[in-house]
Amino acid sequence: MFFLMAMAIFVHRFFIEQPLKTGYEVFVLPKGWGYRIIQNNKVFIQQEQIPAVQGYAFFQTKQDAENTAKLVTRKMKDHELPMVSIAELDSMGVVY
């Protein structure tokens, strides 16, 4: 019985509770900037256009892409959906 409890604790701590390593990188494009969300050393999201904006709008500045990537990364770390709204873009001053 003790062995089963010890195994359950081990499995829970090392497989279930393992925090995901989430980060981002910003990159330049021919028409602007984009970002990648990296999770456990793999590309999870590659965003080459401004999310939530209809059409093909590109980040005009590196700072706009980075601020949006930071927002998405924070949401993922907080176990929220990595979605961005127009209101959030506006609150960050992202030009689109």
Protein backbone atom coordinates (compact mmCIF):
# COMPACT_ATOMS: atom_id res chain seq x y z
CA MET A 1 0.00 0.00 0.00
CA PHE A 2 2.81 2.41 0.91
CA PHE A 3 4.50 1.71 -2.43
CA LEU A 4 1.34 2.62 -4.36
CA MET A 5 0.98 5.89 -2.46
CA ALA A 6 4.64 6.73 -3.02
CA MET A 7 4.31 6.02 -6.75
CA ALA A 8 1.16 8.17 -6.97
CA ILE A 9 2.98 11.09 -5.30
CA PHE A 10 5.99 10.65 -7.60
CA VAL A 11 3.85 10.55 -10.75
CA HIS A 12 1.85 13.58 -9.66
CA ARG A 13 4.90 15.70 -8.78
CA PHE A 14 7.08 14.84 -11.74
CA PHE A 15 4.59 14.38 -14.55
CA ILE A 16 1.45 16.31 -13.69
CA GLU A 17 2.80 19.28 -11.72
CA GLN A 18 5.73 19.94 -14.04
CA PRO A 19 5.45 23.57 -15.06
CA LEU A 20 5.56 24.23 -18.77
CA LYS A 21 8.49 26.38 -19.83
CA THR A 22 6.87 29.14 -21.85
CA GLY A 23 8.64 32.04 -23.53
CA TYR A 24 8.62 34.06 -26.71
CA GLU A 25 10.82 35.45 -29.44
CA VAL A 26 10.19 38.34 -31.79
CA PHE A 27 11.29 38.23 -35.43
CA VAL A 28 11.37 40.58 -38.38
CA LEU A 29 9.27 40.04 -41.51
CA PRO A 30 9.38 41.76 -44.90
CA LYS A 31 6.32 43.87 -43.95
CA GLY A 32 6.71 44.21 -40.18
CA TRP A 33 7.26 42.05 -37.11
CA GLY A 34 5.97 38.78 -35.73
CA TYR A 35 6.43 36.57 -32.69
CA ARG A 36 6.70 32.94 -31.68
CA ILE A 37 5.47 31.46 -28.44
CA ILE A 38 7.84 28.70 -27.37
CA GLN A 39 6.67 26.01 -24.97
CA ASN A 40 9.10 23.36 -23.74
CA ASN A 41 11.56 24.29 -26.51
CA LYS A 42 8.98 23.83 -29.29
CA VAL A 43 7.14 26.46 -31.32
CA PHE A 44 3.59 26.49 -29.99
CA ILE A 45 2.34 29.60 -31.83
CA GLN A 46 3.88 31.46 -34.74
CA GLN A 47 2.11 34.76 -35.23
CA GLU A 48 3.05 36.65 -38.38
CA GLN A 49 0.02 38.95 -38.37
CA ILE A 50 -1.74 40.90 -35.67
CA PRO A 51 -4.27 38.59 -34.01
CA ALA A 52 -7.95 39.62 -33.75
CA VAL A 53 -7.59 42.07 -36.65
CA GLN A 54 -9.41 41.26 -39.88
CA GLY A 55 -7.30 41.06 -43.00
CA TYR A 56 -3.53 41.03 -43.13
CA ALA A 57 -2.29 43.55 -40.59
CA PHE A 58 1.34 43.27 -39.54
CA PHE A 59 2.97 44.56 -36.38
CA GLN A 60 4.60 47.85 -37.34
CA THR A 61 7.08 47.88 -34.48
CA LYS A 62 9.14 45.32 -32.61
CA GLN A 63 7.70 46.69 -29.36
CA ASP A 64 4.09 46.01 -30.47
CA ALA A 65 4.96 42.40 -31.36
CA GLU A 66 6.86 41.95 -28.09
CA ASN A 67 4.08 43.41 -25.92
CA THR A 68 1.53 41.13 -27.58
CA ALA A 69 3.82 38.10 -27.17
CA LYS A 70 4.23 38.96 -23.47
CA LEU A 71 0.44 39.13 -23.07
CA VAL A 72 -0.06 35.74 -24.75
CA THR A 73 2.75 34.20 -22.69
CA ARG A 74 1.26 35.52 -19.45
CA LYS A 75 -2.15 34.13 -20.37
CA MET A 76 -0.69 30.72 -21.07
CA LYS A 77 1.20 30.71 -17.77
CA ASP A 78 -2.07 31.65 -16.03
CA HIS A 79 -3.83 28.73 -17.80
CA GLU A 80 -5.97 31.09 -19.91
CA LEU A 81 -6.67 30.75 -23.61
CA PRO A 82 -3.91 32.47 -25.59
CA MET A 83 -6.37 34.73 -27.40
CA VAL A 84 -5.96 38.47 -27.93
CA SER A 85 -8.86 40.89 -28.31
CA ILE A 86 -9.07 44.20 -30.12
CA ALA A 87 -9.60 45.88 -26.72
CA GLU A 88 -6.33 44.37 -25.44
CA LEU A 89 -4.47 45.52 -28.56
CA ASP A 90 -5.91 49.00 -28.13
CA SER A 91 -4.98 49.11 -24.44
CA MET A 92 -1.38 48.32 -25.39
CA GLY A 93 -1.39 50.97 -28.13
CA VAL A 94 -0.78 48.47 -30.94
CA VAL A 95 -1.13 50.19 -34.31
CA TYR A 96 -3.03 48.19 -36.94
